[in-house]
PDB file of N, CA and C in Angstrom:
ATOM      1  N   MET A   1       0.840  -1.187   0.000  1.00  0.00           N
ATOM      2  CA  MET A   1       0.000   0.000   0.000  1.00  0.00           C
ATOM      3  C   MET A   1       0.879   1.242   0.000  1.00  0.00           C
ATOM      4  N   THR A   2       0.482   2.231  -0.751  1.00  0.00           N
ATOM      5  CA  THR A   2       1.202   3.492  -0.823  1.00  0.00           C
ATOM      6  C   THR A   2       1.005   4.272   0.469  1.00  0.00           C
ATOM      7  N   GLU A   3       2.068   4.883   0.954  1.00  0.00           N
ATOM      8  CA  GLU A   3       1.958   5.699   2.160  1.00  0.00           C
ATOM      9  C   GLU A   3       1.175   6.970   1.861  1.00  0.00           C
ATOM     10  N   LEU A   4       0.176   7.231   2.677  1.00  0.00           N
ATOM     11  CA  LEU A   4      -0.626   8.437   2.506  1.00  0.00           C
ATOM     12  C   LEU A   4       0.087   9.602   3.169  1.00  0.00           C
ATOM     13  N   LYS A   5       0.029  10.773   2.536  1.00  0.00           N
ATOM     14  CA  LYS A   5       0.750  11.946   3.022  1.00  0.00           C
ATOM     15  C   LYS A   5      -0.225  13.082   3.315  1.00  0.00           C
ATOM     16  N   LEU A   6       0.037  13.793   4.397  1.00  0.00           N
ATOM     17  CA  LEU A   6      -0.803  14.900   4.816  1.00  0.00           C
ATOM     18  C   LEU A   6      -0.912  15.967   3.729  1.00  0.00           C
ATOM     19  N   GLU A   7       0.167  16.210   3.003  1.00  0.00           N
ATOM     20  CA  GLU A   7       0.137  17.245   1.959  1.00  0.00           C
ATOM     21  C   GLU A   7      -0.778  16.876   0.789  1.00  0.00           C
ATOM     22  N   ASP A   8      -1.146  15.605   0.669  1.00  0.00           N
ATOM     23  CA  ASP A   8      -2.054  15.171  -0.399  1.00  0.00           C
ATOM     24  C   ASP A   8      -3.518  15.176   0.043  1.00  0.00           C
ATOM     25  N   CYS A   9      -3.759  15.473   1.290  1.00  0.00           N
ATOM     26  CA  CYS A   9      -5.101  15.432   1.872  1.00  0.00           C
ATOM     27  C   CYS A   9      -5.996  16.507   1.252  1.00  0.00           C
ATOM     28  N   ILE A  10      -7.249  16.136   0.940  1.00  0.00           N
ATOM     29  CA  ILE A  10      -8.174  17.081   0.303  1.00  0.00           C
ATOM     30  C   ILE A  10      -8.900  17.967   1.308  1.00  0.00           C
ATOM     31  N   ASN A  11      -8.768  17.683   2.599  1.00  0.00           N
ATOM     32  CA  ASN A  11      -9.438  18.480   3.626  1.00  0.00           C
ATOM     33  C   ASN A  11      -8.452  18.867   4.729  1.00  0.00           C
ATOM     34  N   GLU A  12      -8.728  19.965   5.399  1.00  0.00           N
ATOM     35  CA  GLU A  12      -7.872  20.430   6.493  1.00  0.00           C
ATOM     36  C   GLU A  12      -8.454  20.124   7.859  1.00  0.00           C
ATOM     37  N   THR A  13      -9.769  19.917   7.913  1.00  0.00           N
ATOM     38  CA  THR A  13     -10.409  19.621   9.182  1.00  0.00           C
ATOM     39  C   THR A  13     -11.184  18.313   9.091  1.00  0.00           C
ATOM     40  N   CYS A  14     -11.301  17.657  10.214  1.00  0.00           N
ATOM     41  CA  CYS A  14     -11.996  16.375  10.325  1.00  0.00           C
ATOM     42  C   CYS A  14     -13.483  16.569  10.053  1.00  0.00           C
ATOM     43  N   PRO A  15     -14.079  15.769   9.166  1.00  0.00           N
ATOM     44  CA  PRO A  15     -15.502  15.908   8.880  1.00  0.00           C
ATOM     45  C   PRO A  15     -16.387  15.513  10.065  1.00  0.00           C
ATOM     46  N   TRP A  16     -15.875  14.751  11.011  1.00  0.00           N
ATOM     47  CA  TRP A  16     -16.659  14.361  12.187  1.00  0.00           C
ATOM     48  C   TRP A  16     -16.577  15.420  13.277  1.00  0.00           C
ATOM     49  N   SER A  17     -15.362  15.904  13.591  1.00  0.00           N
ATOM     50  CA  SER A  17     -15.173  16.764  14.763  1.00  0.00           C
ATOM     51  C   SER A  17     -14.922  18.228  14.438  1.00  0.00           C
ATOM     52  N   GLY A  18     -14.419  18.507  13.238  1.00  0.00           N
ATOM     53  CA  GLY A  18     -14.043  19.869  12.887  1.00  0.00           C
ATOM     54  C   GLY A  18     -12.636  20.243  13.332  1.00  0.00           C
ATOM     55  N   GLU A  19     -11.950  19.303  13.985  1.00  0.00           N
ATOM     56  CA  GLU A  19     -10.569  19.528  14.428  1.00  0.00           C
ATOM     57  C   GLU A  19      -9.609  19.378  13.251  1.00  0.00           C
ATOM     58  N   LYS A  20      -8.401  19.887  13.404  1.00  0.00           N
ATOM     59  CA  LYS A  20      -7.359  19.786  12.375  1.00  0.00           C
ATOM     60  C   LYS A  20      -6.994  18.317  12.133  1.00  0.00           C
ATOM     61  N   VAL A  21      -6.799  17.949  10.855  1.00  0.00           N
ATOM     62  CA  VAL A  21      -6.431  16.563  10.517  1.00  0.00           C
ATOM     63  C   VAL A  21      -4.987  16.275  10.906  1.00  0.00           C
ATOM     64  N   ARG A  22      -4.714  14.992  11.138  1.00  0.00           N
ATOM     65  CA  ARG A  22      -3.370  14.546  11.529  1.00  0.00           C
ATOM     66  C   ARG A  22      -2.854  13.505  10.540  1.00  0.00           C
ATOM     67  N   SER A  23      -1.552  13.446  10.420  1.00  0.00           N
ATOM     68  CA  SER A  23      -0.932  12.533   9.457  1.00  0.00           C
ATOM     69  C   SER A  23      -1.134  11.059   9.810  1.00  0.00           C
ATOM     70  N   ASP A  24      -1.412  10.748  11.071  1.00  0.00           N
ATOM     71  CA  ASP A  24      -1.625   9.349  11.456  1.00  0.00           C
ATOM     72  C   ASP A  24      -3.091   8.924  11.309  1.00  0.00           C
ATOM     73  N   SER A  25      -3.900   9.799  10.714  1.00  0.00           N
ATOM     74  CA  SER A  25      -5.342   9.530  10.619  1.00  0.00           C
ATOM     75  C   SER A  25      -5.875   9.759   9.218  1.00  0.00           C
ATOM     76  N   LEU A  26      -5.156   9.282   8.231  1.00  0.00           N
ATOM     77  CA  LEU A  26      -5.521   9.457   6.823  1.00  0.00           C
ATOM     78  C   LEU A  26      -6.084   8.162   6.261  1.00  0.00           C
ATOM     79  N   THR A  27      -6.941   8.302   5.258  1.00  0.00           N
ATOM     80  CA  THR A  27      -7.447   7.137   4.543  1.00  0.00           C
ATOM     81  C   THR A  27      -7.612   7.511   3.074  1.00  0.00           C
ATOM     82  N   LEU A  28      -7.751   6.510   2.247  1.00  0.00           N
ATOM     83  CA  LEU A  28      -7.969   6.718   0.824  1.00  0.00           C
ATOM     84  C   LEU A  28      -9.438   6.452   0.536  1.00  0.00           C
ATOM     85  N   TYR A  29     -10.109   7.417  -0.093  1.00  0.00           N
ATOM     86  CA  TYR A  29     -11.516   7.264  -0.438  1.00  0.00           C
ATOM     87  C   TYR A  29     -11.721   7.737  -1.869  1.00  0.00           C
ATOM     88  N   ARG A  30     -12.176   6.826  -2.717  1.00  0.00           N
ATOM     89  CA  ARG A  30     -12.398   7.112  -4.139  1.00  0.00           C
ATOM     90  C   ARG A  30     -11.181   7.777  -4.781  1.00  0.00           C
ATOM     91  N   GLY A  31     -10.005   7.277  -4.424  1.00  0.00           N
ATOM     92  CA  GLY A  31      -8.763   7.752  -5.015  1.00  0.00           C
ATOM     93  C   GLY A  31      -8.200   9.031  -4.413  1.00  0.00           C
ATOM     94  N   LYS A  32      -8.833   9.550  -3.379  1.00  0.00           N
ATOM     95  CA  LYS A  32      -8.386  10.796  -2.748  1.00  0.00           C
ATOM     96  C   LYS A  32      -7.990  10.525  -1.300  1.00  0.00           C
ATOM     97  N   THR A  33      -6.986  11.253  -0.822  1.00  0.00           N
ATOM     98  CA  THR A  33      -6.576  11.160   0.575  1.00  0.00           C
ATOM     99  C   THR A  33      -7.472  12.061   1.406  1.00  0.00           C
ATOM    100  N   VAL A  34      -8.125  11.462   2.397  1.00  0.00           N
ATOM    101  CA  VAL A  34      -9.029  12.176   3.293  1.00  0.00           C
ATOM    102  C   VAL A  34      -8.453  12.073   4.700  1.00  0.00           C
ATOM    103  N   GLY A  35      -8.487  13.191   5.439  1.00  0.00           N
ATOM    104  CA  GLY A  35      -7.894  13.216   6.766  1.00  0.00           C
ATOM    105  C   GLY A  35      -8.903  13.364   7.885  1.00  0.00           C
ATOM    106  N   PHE A  36      -8.486  12.902   9.059  1.00  0.00           N
ATOM    107  CA  PHE A  36      -9.300  12.952  10.269  1.00  0.00           C
ATOM    108  C   PHE A  36      -8.425  13.389  11.431  1.00  0.00           C
ATOM    109  N   CYS A  37      -9.063  13.751  12.544  1.00  0.00           N
ATOM    110  CA  CYS A  37      -8.322  14.278  13.684  1.00  0.00           C
ATOM    111  C   CYS A  37      -7.685  13.187  14.527  1.00  0.00           C
ATOM    112  N   ASN A  38      -8.154  11.962  14.384  1.00  0.00           N
ATOM    113  CA  ASN A  38      -7.578  10.838  15.130  1.00  0.00           C
ATOM    114  C   ASN A  38      -7.966   9.533  14.444  1.00  0.00           C
ATOM    115  N   PRO A  39      -7.275   8.440  14.761  1.00  0.00           N
ATOM    116  CA  PRO A  39      -7.588   7.168  14.121  1.00  0.00           C
ATOM    117  C   PRO A  39      -9.019   6.683  14.374  1.00  0.00           C
ATOM    118  N   GLY A  40      -9.613   7.046  15.502  1.00  0.00           N
ATOM    119  CA  GLY A  40     -10.990   6.644  15.779  1.00  0.00           C
ATOM    120  C   GLY A  40     -11.971   7.239  14.785  1.00  0.00           C
ATOM    121  N   CYS A  41     -11.801   8.523  14.478  1.00  0.00           N
ATOM    122  CA  CYS A  41     -12.664   9.168  13.477  1.00  0.00           C
ATOM    123  C   CYS A  41     -12.439   8.542  12.107  1.00  0.00           C
ATOM    124  N   ARG A  42     -11.180   8.288  11.772  1.00  0.00           N
ATOM    125  CA  ARG A  42     -10.866   7.644  10.487  1.00  0.00           C
ATOM    126  C   ARG A  42     -11.537   6.285  10.393  1.00  0.00           C
ATOM    127  N   ASP A  43     -11.432   5.492  11.458  1.00  0.00           N
ATOM    128  CA  ASP A  43     -12.013   4.150  11.443  1.00  0.00           C
ATOM    129  C   ASP A  43     -13.533   4.199  11.349  1.00  0.00           C
ATOM    130  N   LYS A  44     -14.152   5.177  12.016  1.00  0.00           N
ATOM    131  CA  LYS A  44     -15.604   5.348  11.948  1.00  0.00           C
ATOM    132  C   LYS A  44     -16.025   5.663  10.509  1.00  0.00           C
ATOM    133  N   PHE A  45     -15.255   6.527   9.828  1.00  0.00           N
ATOM    134  CA  PHE A  45     -15.539   6.865   8.436  1.00  0.00           C
ATOM    135  C   PHE A  45     -15.379   5.643   7.537  1.00  0.00           C
ATOM    136  N   GLU A  46     -14.296   4.897   7.716  1.00  0.00           N
ATOM    137  CA  GLU A  46     -14.067   3.723   6.874  1.00  0.00           C
ATOM    138  C   GLU A  46     -15.206   2.721   7.012  1.00  0.00           C
ATOM    139  N   LYS A  47     -15.663   2.508   8.228  1.00  0.00           N
ATOM    140  CA  LYS A  47     -16.766   1.573   8.458  1.00  0.00           C
ATOM    141  C   LYS A  47     -18.047   2.079   7.797  1.00  0.00           C
ATOM    142  N   ALA A  48     -18.359   3.366   7.981  1.00  0.00           N
ATOM    143  CA  ALA A  48     -19.577   3.937   7.401  1.00  0.00           C
ATOM    144  C   ALA A  48     -19.514   3.942   5.880  1.00  0.00           C
ATOM    145  N   SER A  49     -18.372   4.316   5.315  1.00  0.00           N
ATOM    146  CA  SER A  49     -18.269   4.423   3.858  1.00  0.00           C
ATOM    147  C   SER A  49     -18.392   3.067   3.173  1.00  0.00           C
ATOM    148  N   LYS A  50     -17.988   1.998   3.830  1.00  0.00           N
ATOM    149  CA  LYS A  50     -18.137   0.660   3.242  1.00  0.00           C
ATOM    150  C   LYS A  50     -19.612   0.325   3.044  1.00  0.00           C
ATOM    151  N   HIS A  51     -20.454   0.739   3.985  1.00  0.00           N
ATOM    152  CA  HIS A  51     -21.885   0.497   3.848  1.00  0.00           C
ATOM    153  C   HIS A  51     -22.463   1.262   2.658  1.00  0.00           C
ATOM    154  N   PHE A  52     -22.034   2.515   2.485  1.00  0.00           N
ATOM    155  CA  PHE A  52     -22.516   3.313   1.355  1.00  0.00           C
ATOM    156  C   PHE A  52     -22.027   2.733   0.032  1.00  0.00           C
ATOM    157  N   GLU A  53     -20.772   2.347  -0.023  1.00  0.00           N
ATOM    158  CA  GLU A  53     -20.226   1.773  -1.259  1.00  0.00           C
ATOM    159  C   GLU A  53     -20.969   0.495  -1.629  1.00  0.00           C
ATOM    160  N   PHE A  54     -21.263  -0.333  -0.639  1.00  0.00           N
ATOM    161  CA  PHE A  54     -22.016  -1.564  -0.894  1.00  0.00           C
ATOM    162  C   PHE A  54     -23.389  -1.231  -1.463  1.00  0.00           C
ATOM    163  N   ALA A  55     -24.076  -0.268  -0.872  1.00  0.00           N
ATOM    164  CA  ALA A  55     -25.413   0.120  -1.342  1.00  0.00           C
ATOM    165  C   ALA A  55     -25.366   0.706  -2.746  1.00  0.00           C
ATOM    166  N   ILE A  56     -24.367   1.549  -3.012  1.00  0.00           N
ATOM    167  CA  ILE A  56     -24.222   2.158  -4.348  1.00  0.00           C
ATOM    168  C   ILE A  56     -23.951   1.081  -5.394  1.00  0.00           C
ATOM    169  N   ASN A  57     -23.039   0.173  -5.085  1.00  0.00           N
ATOM    170  CA  ASN A  57     -22.721  -0.900  -6.033  1.00  0.00           C
ATOM    171  C   ASN A  57     -23.939  -1.793  -6.288  1.00  0.00           C
ATOM    172  N   ALA A  58     -24.700  -2.084  -5.254  1.00  0.00           N
ATOM    173  CA  ALA A  58     -25.887  -2.916  -5.417  1.00  0.00           C
ATOM    174  C   ALA A  58     -26.933  -2.216  -6.284  1.00  0.00           C
ATOM    175  N   ALA A  59     -27.084  -0.901  -6.103  1.00  0.00           N
ATOM    176  CA  ALA A  59     -28.056  -0.153  -6.900  1.00  0.00           C
ATOM    177  C   ALA A  59     -27.625  -0.025  -8.365  1.00  0.00           C
ATOM    178  N   GLU A  60     -26.329   0.086  -8.585  1.00  0.00           N
ATOM    179  CA  GLU A  60     -25.818   0.237  -9.958  1.00  0.00           C
ATOM    180  C   GLU A  60     -25.742  -1.086 -10.696  1.00  0.00           C
ATOM    181  N   ASN A  61     -25.680  -2.190  -9.957  1.00  0.00           N
ATOM    182  CA  ASN A  61     -25.547  -3.518 -10.557  1.00  0.00           C
ATOM    183  C   ASN A  61     -26.587  -4.465  -9.983  1.00  0.00           C
ATOM    184  N   PRO A  62     -27.863  -4.240 -10.309  1.00  0.00           N
ATOM    185  CA  PRO A  62     -28.943  -5.073  -9.716  1.00  0.00           C
ATOM    186  C   PRO A  62     -28.871  -6.525 -10.142  1.00  0.00           C
TER     187      PRO A  62
END
């Protein structure tokens, strides 16, 4: 896996908390680096986004 870098992050603040993103809390979503304020917020996003991706894929490929 490619190392994610803070300078490639598309956001400056965590979408959950509004706090500044940290380099240890990055994830890749739809080809973009997205940042969070801590690993817990990142993990919450990853779990939630998997449900949305599953639903989108199911709707697009009935």
